[in-house]
């Protein structure tokens, strides 16, 4: 049996005005092509451009803090894959962008931060946990399987009644056929976000357009009570040396979604594992059925 070819990659960013840097190191597929050559392919083993784009935005926002991001206490990543975005989010928030961990110096009465990184593929969750350990994530970081949909997200909401201040997602929606015809992955994604997003929370989606028009994504979000803003500094033609038609096809952009109404999904009881993780059986990360 052939397995996904893995390597170790380093991602370094400048995180302060004085030039201080931080680095995240990941075990991940050598290339996205390797994900499809394995006997049991899963794109969740690779780091895609959308994850790098979203990570850069988080770094920039910590250097020039935005209120919604810096004040986040509960952070959820959907379809986390190897964990680039979530691990960077945790490192940046714990570090505070100033070189000092701030979780021990919160305003009195302020809840310590908690992080939940999820994916629907059990093998990918194992890789995600390995990378969290490799980067010495704090105990406040939990990795778990999560299948998008109202029942699973409602169960998670019962464990986190206030919802999540920040939800992160990079390249969660692949193509038209998979997204709209196989259980409507897009609708399940937006339903999950609607249920789990805190009242004043933000869902950052790095969306790579392939053959699924972004208008379809935005219309689905609106149906689930979400409005969006385009993060205009983070719109890229991924293959900028190609023809206009090709670059228009392969374009990555980040959208910030917020609520227009409160989700009305029922809250279902669920048993948590001893470490607080949630295991709902077979999962779905929005990429491979």
Protein backbone atom coordinates (compact mmCIF):
# COMPACT_ATOMS: atom_id res chain seq x y z
CA UNK A 1 0.00 0.00 0.00
CA UNK A 2 1.27 3.47 -0.81
CA UNK A 3 1.01 6.14 1.86
CA UNK A 4 1.04 9.90 1.58
CA UNK A 5 4.64 11.05 1.12
CA UNK A 6 5.44 13.25 4.12
CA UNK A 7 8.11 15.83 4.82
CA UNK A 8 8.80 18.51 7.42
CA UNK A 9 8.16 22.11 6.43
CA UNK A 10 8.93 25.36 8.25
CA UNK A 11 6.81 28.51 8.14
CA UNK A 12 8.41 31.67 9.55
CA UNK A 13 6.81 35.10 9.95
CA UNK A 14 7.84 38.45 11.39
CA UNK A 15 5.47 39.03 14.32
CA UNK A 16 6.57 42.35 15.79
CA UNK A 17 7.68 45.81 14.68
CA UNK A 18 11.22 45.14 15.89
CA UNK A 19 11.59 42.24 13.46
CA UNK A 20 11.11 39.36 15.88
CA UNK A 21 10.16 36.11 14.12
CA UNK A 22 8.27 32.97 15.03
CA UNK A 23 8.31 29.61 13.26
CA UNK A 24 5.84 26.75 12.93
CA UNK A 25 7.14 23.38 11.73
CA UNK A 26 4.77 20.83 10.26
CA UNK A 27 4.78 17.24 9.15
CA UNK A 28 2.76 17.31 5.92
CA UNK A 29 2.54 15.86 2.43
CA UNK A 30 5.51 16.76 0.27
CA UNK A 31 3.09 18.22 -2.27
CA UNK A 32 -0.63 18.30 -2.91
CA UNK A 33 -0.10 15.84 -5.76
CA UNK A 34 1.12 13.23 -3.26
CA UNK A 35 -2.27 13.35 -1.53
CA UNK A 36 -3.93 11.92 -4.62
CA UNK A 37 -1.32 9.23 -5.31
CA UNK A 38 -1.87 7.39 -2.02
CA UNK A 39 -4.10 4.32 -1.78
CA UNK A 40 -6.50 6.27 0.42
CA UNK A 41 -6.19 9.85 -0.81
CA UNK A 42 -7.00 12.77 1.45
CA UNK A 43 -6.20 16.37 0.63
CA UNK A 44 -6.10 17.02 4.37
CA UNK A 45 -2.47 15.86 4.50
CA UNK A 46 -1.24 18.85 2.47
CA UNK A 47 -0.76 22.55 3.20
CA UNK A 48 -2.63 24.49 0.51
CA UNK A 49 -2.15 28.08 -0.58
CA UNK A 50 -5.35 29.15 1.17
CA UNK A 51 -3.88 28.11 4.54
CA UNK A 52 -0.76 30.17 3.91
CA UNK A 53 -2.90 33.14 2.85
CA UNK A 54 -5.08 32.95 5.96
CA UNK A 55 -2.02 32.55 8.19
CA UNK A 56 -0.49 35.70 6.71
CA UNK A 57 -3.68 37.63 7.48
CA UNK A 58 -3.62 36.46 11.11
CA UNK A 59 0.01 37.51 11.46
CA UNK A 60 -0.72 40.92 9.97
CA UNK A 61 -3.73 41.46 12.22
CA UNK A 62 -1.77 40.61 15.35
CA UNK A 63 0.90 43.13 14.34
CA UNK A 64 -1.89 45.68 13.79
CA UNK A 65 -4.44 44.28 16.26
CA UNK A 66 -8.11 44.13 15.34
CA UNK A 67 -10.50 43.94 18.26
CA UNK A 68 -12.38 40.82 17.21
CA UNK A 69 -9.23 38.79 16.65
CA UNK A 70 -7.15 39.91 19.64
CA UNK A 71 -9.99 39.49 22.15
CA UNK A 72 -10.84 35.95 21.01
CA UNK A 73 -11.04 33.46 23.87
CA UNK A 74 -12.51 30.46 22.01
CA UNK A 75 -11.06 29.55 18.63
CA UNK A 76 -12.29 26.77 16.31
CA UNK A 77 -10.68 25.56 13.11
CA UNK A 78 -12.70 23.49 10.63
CA UNK A 79 -10.98 21.17 8.15
CA UNK A 80 -7.66 21.92 9.85
CA UNK A 81 -5.54 19.45 7.87
CA UNK A 82 -1.93 19.48 9.12
CA UNK A 83 -2.80 22.46 11.34
CA UNK A 84 -0.93 25.43 9.89
CA UNK A 85 -3.66 28.02 10.49
CA UNK A 86 -4.78 26.86 13.92
CA UNK A 87 -1.28 26.39 15.29
CA UNK A 88 -0.30 29.85 14.12
CA UNK A 89 -3.46 31.29 15.66
CA UNK A 90 -2.63 29.72 19.02
CA UNK A 91 1.01 30.81 18.92
CA UNK A 92 0.08 34.38 18.04
CA UNK A 93 -2.63 34.73 20.66
CA UNK A 94 -0.59 33.11 23.41
CA UNK A 95 2.41 35.22 22.52
CA UNK A 96 0.40 38.43 22.18
CA UNK A 97 2.69 39.68 19.42
CA UNK A 98 4.96 41.21 22.06
CA UNK A 99 7.14 38.33 23.18
CA UNK A 100 5.22 37.68 26.40
CA UNK A 101 2.60 35.00 26.86
CA UNK A 102 -0.53 36.80 28.00
CA UNK A 103 -2.78 33.95 29.10
CA UNK A 104 -1.47 34.28 32.63
CA UNK A 105 -2.01 38.02 32.70
CA UNK A 106 -5.62 38.37 31.59
CA UNK A 107 -7.96 41.00 32.91
CA UNK A 108 -9.54 39.71 36.16
CA UNK A 109 -12.61 37.64 35.35
CA UNK A 110 -11.50 37.04 31.75
CA UNK A 111 -11.68 33.42 30.62
CA UNK A 112 -8.47 31.76 29.50
CA UNK A 113 -8.27 30.90 25.81
CA UNK A 114 -9.35 27.53 24.46
CA UNK A 115 -8.66 26.10 21.00
CA UNK A 116 -10.41 23.29 19.13
CA UNK A 117 -8.84 22.10 15.87
CA UNK A 118 -11.04 19.70 13.87
CA UNK A 119 -11.00 17.60 10.74
CA UNK A 120 -13.22 14.83 9.46
CA UNK A 121 -10.52 12.32 8.55
CA UNK A 122 -9.19 10.27 11.48
CA UNK A 123 -5.75 9.93 9.89
CA UNK A 124 -5.57 13.68 9.37
CA UNK A 125 -6.60 14.30 12.99
CA UNK A 126 -3.70 12.06 14.05
CA UNK A 127 -1.36 14.13 11.88
CA UNK A 128 -2.85 17.31 13.33
CA UNK A 129 -2.24 16.09 16.89
CA UNK A 130 1.32 15.12 15.97
CA UNK A 131 1.97 18.64 14.66
CA UNK A 132 0.45 20.23 17.76
CA UNK A 133 2.78 18.13 19.91
CA UNK A 134 5.72 18.95 17.63
CA UNK A 135 5.06 22.68 18.11
CA UNK A 136 4.50 22.32 21.86
CA UNK A 137 0.94 23.56 21.86
CA UNK A 138 -0.51 24.23 25.34
CA UNK A 139 -3.02 21.93 27.01
CA UNK A 140 -5.75 24.38 25.99
CA UNK A 141 -5.45 23.04 22.41
CA UNK A 142 -7.66 20.02 21.62
CA UNK A 143 -7.78 18.09 18.32
CA UNK A 144 -10.94 16.19 17.38
CA UNK A 145 -12.95 14.73 14.52
CA UNK A 146 -15.97 16.73 13.44
CA UNK A 147 -18.50 15.93 10.72
CA UNK A 148 -20.21 19.07 9.48
CA UNK A 149 -23.96 19.14 9.92
CA UNK A 150 -26.62 20.32 12.31
CA UNK A 151 -26.58 17.33 14.69
CA UNK A 152 -22.82 17.31 15.22
CA UNK A 153 -22.48 21.08 15.48
CA UNK A 154 -25.40 21.30 17.89
CA UNK A 155 -23.74 18.68 20.09
CA UNK A 156 -20.56 20.73 20.10
CA UNK A 157 -22.51 23.88 20.87
CA UNK A 158 -23.88 22.19 23.98
CA UNK A 159 -20.29 21.87 25.22
CA UNK A 160 -19.49 25.47 24.27
CA UNK A 161 -22.80 27.30 24.89
CA UNK A 162 -21.42 30.73 24.10
CA UNK A 163 -20.09 29.63 20.73
CA UNK A 164 -16.66 30.39 19.28
CA UNK A 165 -15.33 33.93 18.94
CA UNK A 166 -13.24 33.01 15.92
CA UNK A 167 -13.83 30.19 13.43
CA UNK A 168 -11.10 29.54 10.86
CA UNK A 169 -11.32 27.62 7.61
CA UNK A 170 -8.92 27.36 4.66
CA UNK A 171 -9.84 25.72 1.33
CA UNK A 172 -12.78 23.83 2.81
CA UNK A 173 -14.84 23.74 -0.41
CA UNK A 174 -13.29 22.01 -3.39
CA UNK A 175 -15.45 21.90 -6.51
CA UNK A 176 -19.01 22.15 -7.76
CA UNK A 177 -19.73 18.43 -8.16
CA UNK A 178 -18.42 17.40 -4.76
CA UNK A 179 -19.77 20.43 -2.91
CA UNK A 180 -23.31 20.52 -4.24
CA UNK A 181 -24.08 16.91 -5.13
CA UNK A 182 -22.53 14.78 -2.38
CA UNK A 183 -24.65 15.63 0.64
CA UNK A 184 -24.34 19.36 -0.03
CA UNK A 185 -21.08 19.93 1.82
CA UNK A 186 -21.43 23.69 1.44
CA UNK A 187 -24.81 23.78 3.17
CA UNK A 188 -23.50 21.57 5.99
CA UNK A 189 -20.50 23.87 6.42
CA UNK A 190 -22.57 27.04 6.69
CA UNK A 191 -25.07 25.34 9.00
CA UNK A 192 -22.19 24.37 11.27
CA UNK A 193 -20.79 27.89 11.28
CA UNK A 194 -24.21 29.38 11.98
CA UNK A 195 -24.64 27.09 14.97
CA UNK A 196 -21.14 27.45 16.44
CA UNK A 197 -20.32 31.11 15.83
CA UNK A 198 -20.64 33.37 18.88
CA UNK A 199 -23.04 36.30 18.64
CA UNK A 200 -20.23 38.76 17.93
CA UNK A 201 -17.87 36.19 16.41
CA UNK A 202 -16.16 36.10 13.02
CA UNK A 203 -15.73 33.21 10.59
CA UNK A 204 -12.67 33.68 8.37
CA UNK A 205 -12.89 31.58 5.21
CA UNK A 206 -9.99 31.43 2.77
CA UNK A 207 -11.81 30.30 -0.37
CA UNK A 208 -9.99 29.08 -3.46
CA UNK A 209 -12.22 29.39 -6.48
CA UNK A 210 -12.06 26.50 -8.88
CA UNK A 211 -15.27 25.54 -10.71
CA UNK A 212 -17.60 26.65 -7.90
CA UNK A 213 -18.53 30.34 -8.22
CA UNK A 214 -18.04 32.35 -5.06
CA UNK A 215 -21.57 33.74 -5.49
CA UNK A 216 -22.90 30.26 -4.67
CA UNK A 217 -20.89 30.22 -1.44
CA UNK A 218 -22.00 33.71 -0.42
CA UNK A 219 -25.66 32.96 -1.18
CA UNK A 220 -25.50 29.86 1.00
CA UNK A 221 -23.94 31.87 3.81
CA UNK A 222 -26.72 34.45 3.54
CA UNK A 223 -29.32 31.68 3.76
CA UNK A 224 -27.78 30.70 7.08
CA UNK A 225 -27.88 34.20 8.48
CA UNK A 226 -24.32 35.25 7.70
CA UNK A 227 -23.08 38.45 6.05
CA UNK A 228 -19.58 38.90 4.69
CA UNK A 229 -16.79 41.36 4.10
CA UNK A 230 -14.00 40.73 1.60
CA UNK A 231 -10.50 41.07 3.06
CA UNK A 232 -9.23 42.98 0.03
CA UNK A 233 -5.54 42.77 0.91
CA UNK A 234 -5.67 38.98 0.66
CA UNK A 235 -6.99 38.33 -2.85
CA UNK A 236 -4.49 36.49 -5.03
CA UNK A 237 -4.28 34.87 -8.44
CA UNK A 238 -2.53 31.66 -7.43
CA UNK A 239 -0.85 31.09 -10.80
CA UNK A 240 -0.08 34.67 -11.74
CA UNK A 241 1.99 33.71 -14.79
CA UNK A 242 -0.94 32.06 -16.55
CA UNK A 243 -3.45 33.59 -18.91
CA UNK A 244 -6.18 35.89 -17.61
CA UNK A 245 -8.72 33.13 -17.93
CA UNK A 246 -6.65 30.70 -15.90
CA UNK A 247 -5.76 33.13 -13.13
CA UNK A 248 -9.40 34.16 -12.85
CA UNK A 249 -10.25 30.50 -12.35
CA UNK A 250 -7.64 29.79 -9.65
CA UNK A 251 -8.11 32.68 -7.27
CA UNK A 252 -7.88 32.71 -3.49
CA UNK A 253 -9.60 35.28 -1.30
CA UNK A 254 -10.48 35.63 2.38
CA UNK A 255 -14.02 36.44 3.50
CA UNK A 256 -15.01 37.47 7.02
CA UNK A 257 -18.53 36.29 7.91
CA UNK A 258 -20.62 37.61 10.80
CA UNK A 259 -24.11 36.87 12.07
CA UNK A 260 -27.29 38.61 11.06
CA UNK A 261 -29.46 36.37 13.27
CA UNK A 262 -29.14 33.77 16.01
CA UNK A 263 -28.95 30.08 15.07
CA UNK A 264 -31.95 28.04 16.16
CA UNK A 265 -30.49 24.54 16.08
CA UNK A 266 -31.46 22.22 18.97
CA UNK A 267 -28.75 21.53 21.51
CA UNK A 268 -28.09 17.82 21.79
CA UNK A 269 -26.24 16.12 24.65
CA UNK A 270 -22.93 14.48 23.78
CA UNK A 271 -20.32 12.55 25.73
CA UNK A 272 -16.81 13.95 25.65
CA UNK A 273 -13.64 11.89 25.82
CA UNK A 274 -11.43 12.34 28.91
CA UNK A 275 -9.32 15.01 27.20
CA UNK A 276 -12.42 16.92 26.13
CA UNK A 277 -12.23 15.86 22.49
CA UNK A 278 -15.35 14.98 20.56
CA UNK A 279 -15.49 11.77 18.57
CA UNK A 280 -18.57 11.38 16.39
CA UNK A 281 -17.27 8.47 14.31
CA UNK A 282 -16.57 8.96 10.62
CA UNK A 283 -16.04 12.59 9.78
CA UNK A 284 -15.98 14.93 6.84
CA UNK A 285 -13.54 17.73 6.25
CA UNK A 286 -15.28 19.23 3.24
CA UNK A 287 -12.78 17.83 0.71
CA UNK A 288 -12.79 14.06 0.27
CA UNK A 289 -16.04 12.07 0.78
